[in-house]
Amino acid sequence: MSLKRPIVRKLFRIIRFIVFFFFISTIFVTILYRFIPPPLTPLMVIRAGNHLFEGKEMKLAKDWVSLKKISPNMVQAVVASEDNNYLKHFGIDFDAVKKAREMNKRSKVLRGASTISQQTAKNVFLWPDRSWLRKGLEVYFTGLIEIFWGKRRIMEVYLNVIEMGDGIYGVEMASQLYFSKPASDLSKAEAALIAAVLPNPRRWSPAAPTAYIQRKQQRIIRAMNRIEKVEF
């Protein structure tokens, strides 16, 4: 009995240190990314590793730009497409979650309710997975970026790290590749087309939009006109 107590105390000290280190390190990195661009994301590393594993040429194309160098049309398009209440919620849109659950009960096609904040937290800090562990960490990191970054920085990071094709990341690189222009010059139609492919950018491309993507583009344009102007 006396031998077990020191072991248990030592185990608790180790667990306490791990928990303390986790919180301190994640808060530190979150604050750091408030001021500097994330150099890589887990998804970028995973995709590059898959290229090497499959014997393909490793592709990782990205070009970070500040939000002021991204067309307001692009900001309006992703809010209209992904997260209508972006400026109103604190990371999680509980109304959207409730609606998604109700719709999923009646539909075979599952609908998600992740906000732009949640997607940014997942892209920057976590791996692509549907486990409860990852979802729990996503909620945690979403809270951190809402506290330490704010909506403007979250949008800036989101638009710079979002996957836009096989080995392509960020709207600046997508704009240069698909429209031969900087992201600052994207028109409403072009921004809506980029937003239309975001759920699966390796399947769809703004360069060759299918009829489905074109219809979705038109829906996004109508939504862009309907929602209030996104301003920070």
Protein backbone atom coordinates (compact mmCIF):
# COMPACT_ATOMS: atom_id res chain seq x y z
CA MET A 1 0.00 0.00 0.00
CA SER A 2 2.76 2.41 0.96
CA LEU A 3 4.58 1.64 -2.30
CA LYS A 4 1.51 2.41 -4.42
CA ARG A 5 0.95 5.87 -2.97
CA PRO A 6 4.25 7.38 -4.26
CA ILE A 7 3.56 5.84 -7.68
CA VAL A 8 0.06 7.30 -7.77
CA ARG A 9 1.32 10.72 -6.67
CA LYS A 10 4.04 10.62 -9.33
CA LEU A 11 1.49 9.64 -11.95
CA PHE A 12 -0.75 12.55 -10.97
CA ARG A 13 2.21 14.94 -11.16
CA ILE A 14 3.00 13.71 -14.67
CA ILE A 15 -0.63 14.09 -15.76
CA ARG A 16 -0.82 17.55 -14.19
CA PHE A 17 2.36 18.60 -16.01
CA ILE A 18 1.04 17.28 -19.35
CA VAL A 19 -2.25 19.14 -18.91
CA PHE A 20 -0.46 22.33 -17.84
CA PHE A 21 1.99 22.10 -20.75
CA PHE A 22 -0.87 21.50 -23.22
CA PHE A 23 -2.80 24.58 -22.15
CA ILE A 24 0.25 26.86 -21.95
CA SER A 25 1.70 25.73 -25.28
CA THR A 26 -1.58 25.94 -27.20
CA ILE A 27 -2.34 29.39 -25.81
CA PHE A 28 1.19 30.53 -26.67
CA VAL A 29 0.98 29.26 -30.25
CA THR A 30 -2.48 30.77 -30.70
CA ILE A 31 -1.24 34.17 -29.57
CA LEU A 32 1.85 33.80 -31.79
CA TYR A 33 -0.34 33.11 -34.84
CA ARG A 34 -2.26 36.28 -34.08
CA PHE A 35 0.79 38.14 -35.38
CA ILE A 36 2.58 35.77 -37.78
CA PRO A 37 1.23 33.48 -40.52
CA PRO A 38 1.09 29.77 -39.63
CA PRO A 39 4.03 28.35 -41.64
CA LEU A 40 2.32 24.99 -42.26
CA THR A 41 -0.87 23.24 -41.26
CA PRO A 42 -1.35 19.56 -40.40
CA LEU A 43 -3.37 19.08 -43.60
CA MET A 44 -0.54 20.52 -45.71
CA VAL A 45 1.91 18.08 -44.12
CA ILE A 46 -0.48 15.14 -44.56
CA ARG A 47 -1.17 15.94 -48.22
CA ALA A 48 2.55 16.38 -48.96
CA GLY A 49 3.31 13.10 -47.20
CA ASN A 50 0.65 11.34 -49.28
CA HIS A 51 2.25 12.67 -52.46
CA LEU A 52 5.62 11.23 -51.45
CA PHE A 53 4.10 7.94 -50.31
CA GLU A 54 2.28 7.57 -53.64
CA GLY A 55 5.44 8.35 -55.59
CA LYS A 56 4.10 11.66 -56.89
CA GLU A 57 5.79 15.01 -57.06
CA MET A 58 5.22 16.84 -53.78
CA LYS A 59 3.04 19.93 -54.32
CA LEU A 60 2.59 22.70 -51.78
CA ALA A 61 1.68 26.04 -53.32
CA LYS A 62 0.62 28.93 -51.10
CA ASP A 63 1.04 32.68 -51.04
CA TRP A 64 0.04 34.51 -47.86
CA VAL A 65 -1.54 37.94 -48.28
CA SER A 66 -3.15 40.28 -45.76
CA LEU A 67 -6.92 40.58 -45.68
CA LYS A 68 -6.75 44.07 -47.16
CA LYS A 69 -5.25 42.48 -50.30
CA ILE A 70 -8.20 40.09 -50.67
CA SER A 71 -11.31 41.28 -52.46
CA PRO A 72 -14.30 42.02 -50.18
CA ASN A 73 -16.23 39.87 -52.66
CA MET A 74 -14.28 36.84 -51.44
CA VAL A 75 -15.10 37.56 -47.81
CA GLN A 76 -18.76 38.08 -48.68
CA ALA A 77 -18.82 34.85 -50.71
CA VAL A 78 -17.48 32.55 -47.99
CA VAL A 79 -19.78 34.07 -45.36
CA ALA A 80 -22.77 33.70 -47.71
CA SER A 81 -21.78 30.12 -48.54
CA GLU A 82 -20.37 28.78 -45.29
CA ASP A 83 -21.45 30.85 -42.30
CA ASN A 84 -24.21 33.48 -42.58
CA ASN A 85 -23.95 34.37 -38.88
CA TYR A 86 -20.16 34.70 -38.85
CA LEU A 87 -20.12 38.14 -37.21
CA LYS A 88 -22.82 37.24 -34.68
CA HIS A 89 -21.70 33.99 -33.05
CA PHE A 90 -18.76 33.22 -30.77
CA GLY A 91 -17.27 30.41 -32.82
CA ILE A 92 -20.20 27.99 -32.79
CA ASP A 93 -23.56 28.73 -34.40
CA PHE A 94 -25.95 26.80 -32.18
CA ASP A 95 -28.98 27.71 -34.33
CA ALA A 96 -27.24 26.23 -37.38
CA VAL A 97 -26.34 23.10 -35.40
CA LYS A 98 -29.99 22.64 -34.39
CA LYS A 99 -31.22 23.12 -37.96
CA ALA A 100 -28.61 20.69 -39.30
CA ARG A 101 -29.68 18.02 -36.81
CA GLU A 102 -33.32 18.42 -37.77
CA MET A 103 -32.52 18.23 -41.49
CA ASN A 104 -30.24 15.22 -41.02
CA LYS A 105 -33.10 13.29 -39.42
CA ARG A 106 -35.13 13.68 -42.63
CA SER A 107 -32.34 13.41 -45.21
CA LYS A 108 -29.88 10.73 -46.26
CA VAL A 109 -27.33 13.44 -47.13
CA LEU A 110 -25.76 14.64 -43.89
CA ARG A 111 -25.41 18.39 -43.50
CA GLY A 112 -22.68 19.94 -41.37
CA ALA A 113 -22.88 23.13 -39.34
CA SER A 114 -19.21 24.04 -38.87
CA THR A 115 -18.59 27.76 -38.78
CA ILE A 116 -15.68 29.52 -40.46
CA SER A 117 -14.10 29.81 -37.00
CA GLN A 118 -14.36 26.05 -36.47
CA GLN A 119 -12.96 25.30 -39.93
CA THR A 120 -10.06 27.67 -39.29
CA ALA A 121 -9.29 26.05 -35.93
CA LYS A 122 -9.37 22.61 -37.55
CA ASN A 123 -7.23 23.65 -40.52
CA VAL A 124 -4.53 25.40 -38.47
CA PHE A 125 -4.21 23.15 -35.42
CA LEU A 126 -5.78 19.75 -36.08
CA TRP A 127 -5.96 16.80 -38.42
CA PRO A 128 -8.84 15.84 -40.78
CA ASP A 129 -10.89 13.31 -38.84
CA ARG A 130 -14.44 12.84 -37.55
CA SER A 131 -13.57 11.47 -34.12
CA TRP A 132 -14.99 12.88 -30.90
CA LEU A 133 -11.46 13.71 -29.74
CA ARG A 134 -10.84 15.92 -32.75
CA LYS A 135 -14.26 17.57 -32.45
CA GLY A 136 -13.61 18.30 -28.79
CA LEU A 137 -10.22 19.84 -29.56
CA GLU A 138 -11.84 21.80 -32.39
CA VAL A 139 -14.25 23.41 -29.92
CA TYR A 140 -11.31 24.25 -27.62
CA PHE A 141 -9.19 25.83 -30.36
CA THR A 142 -12.23 27.65 -31.76
CA GLY A 143 -12.68 29.31 -28.39
CA LEU A 144 -9.00 30.27 -28.29
CA ILE A 145 -8.96 31.93 -31.71
CA GLU A 146 -12.21 33.77 -30.98
CA ILE A 147 -10.63 35.16 -27.79
CA PHE A 148 -7.12 35.93 -29.05
CA TRP A 149 -7.62 36.57 -32.78
CA GLY A 150 -11.04 38.10 -33.34
CA LYS A 151 -13.18 37.86 -36.47
CA ARG A 152 -10.91 39.82 -38.82
CA ARG A 153 -7.83 37.70 -38.10
CA ILE A 154 -9.82 34.47 -38.22
CA MET A 155 -11.08 35.39 -41.69
CA GLU A 156 -7.58 36.37 -42.81
CA VAL A 157 -6.10 33.05 -41.69
CA TYR A 158 -9.02 31.06 -43.10
CA LEU A 159 -8.68 32.56 -46.56
CA ASN A 160 -4.92 31.96 -46.55
CA VAL A 161 -4.81 28.33 -45.40
CA ILE A 162 -7.99 26.86 -46.91
CA GLU A 163 -7.35 23.98 -49.32
CA MET A 164 -8.12 25.08 -52.88
CA GLY A 165 -6.96 22.11 -54.92
CA ASP A 166 -4.38 19.33 -54.90
CA GLY A 167 -1.45 20.97 -53.11
CA ILE A 168 -2.98 24.44 -53.47
CA TYR A 169 -3.77 26.57 -50.42
CA GLY A 170 -5.25 30.02 -49.95
CA VAL A 171 -7.35 32.25 -52.18
CA GLU A 172 -4.37 34.24 -53.47
CA MET A 173 -2.80 31.15 -55.01
CA ALA A 174 -6.20 29.97 -56.24
CA SER A 175 -6.92 33.34 -57.82
CA GLN A 176 -3.55 33.43 -59.56
CA LEU A 177 -3.89 29.85 -60.79
CA TYR A 178 -7.54 29.82 -61.86
CA PHE A 179 -8.12 33.44 -62.93
CA SER A 180 -4.60 34.83 -63.57
CA LYS A 181 -5.17 37.76 -61.23
CA PRO A 182 -4.48 38.66 -57.59
CA ALA A 183 -7.14 37.93 -54.99
CA SER A 184 -7.65 41.67 -54.57
CA ASP A 185 -9.23 41.81 -58.05
CA LEU A 186 -11.69 38.92 -57.74
CA SER A 187 -15.14 39.75 -59.04
CA LYS A 188 -18.33 38.70 -57.32
CA ALA A 189 -18.83 35.83 -59.78
CA GLU A 190 -15.23 34.60 -59.41
CA ALA A 191 -15.35 34.76 -55.63
CA ALA A 192 -18.65 32.85 -55.61
CA LEU A 193 -17.12 30.21 -57.89
CA ILE A 194 -14.18 29.71 -55.53
CA ALA A 195 -16.56 29.45 -52.57
CA ALA A 196 -18.69 26.94 -54.48
CA VAL A 197 -15.87 24.37 -54.68
CA LEU A 198 -14.62 24.70 -51.10
CA PRO A 199 -16.42 21.65 -49.68
CA ASN A 200 -14.35 19.41 -51.98
CA PRO A 201 -11.68 21.42 -53.81
CA ARG A 202 -9.80 18.33 -54.99
CA ARG A 203 -12.93 17.03 -56.75
CA TRP A 204 -14.14 20.32 -58.23
CA SER A 205 -12.20 23.18 -59.76
CA PRO A 206 -13.10 26.82 -60.52
CA ALA A 207 -11.22 26.35 -63.79
CA ALA A 208 -13.73 23.76 -65.04
CA PRO A 209 -16.97 24.20 -63.11
CA THR A 210 -19.60 21.51 -63.55
CA ALA A 211 -23.26 22.34 -64.01
CA TYR A 212 -23.76 21.61 -60.31
CA ILE A 213 -21.00 24.05 -59.31
CA GLN A 214 -22.41 26.71 -61.63
CA ARG A 215 -25.83 26.39 -60.02
CA LYS A 216 -24.23 26.59 -56.61
CA GLN A 217 -22.29 29.67 -57.72
CA GLN A 218 -25.55 31.40 -58.63
CA ARG A 219 -27.08 30.50 -55.26
CA ILE A 220 -24.05 31.97 -53.50
CA ILE A 221 -24.28 35.19 -55.54
CA ARG A 222 -27.93 35.58 -54.53
CA ALA A 223 -26.98 34.94 -50.90
CA MET A 224 -24.15 37.50 -51.14
CA ASN A 225 -26.70 40.10 -52.21
CA ARG A 226 -29.17 39.07 -49.52
CA ILE A 227 -27.00 39.05 -46.40
CA GLU A 228 -25.63 42.18 -44.81
CA LYS A 229 -22.24 43.43 -45.98
CA VAL A 230 -19.39 41.85 -44.04
CA GLU A 231 -17.25 44.60 -42.50
CA PHE A 232 -14.60 44.41 -39.78
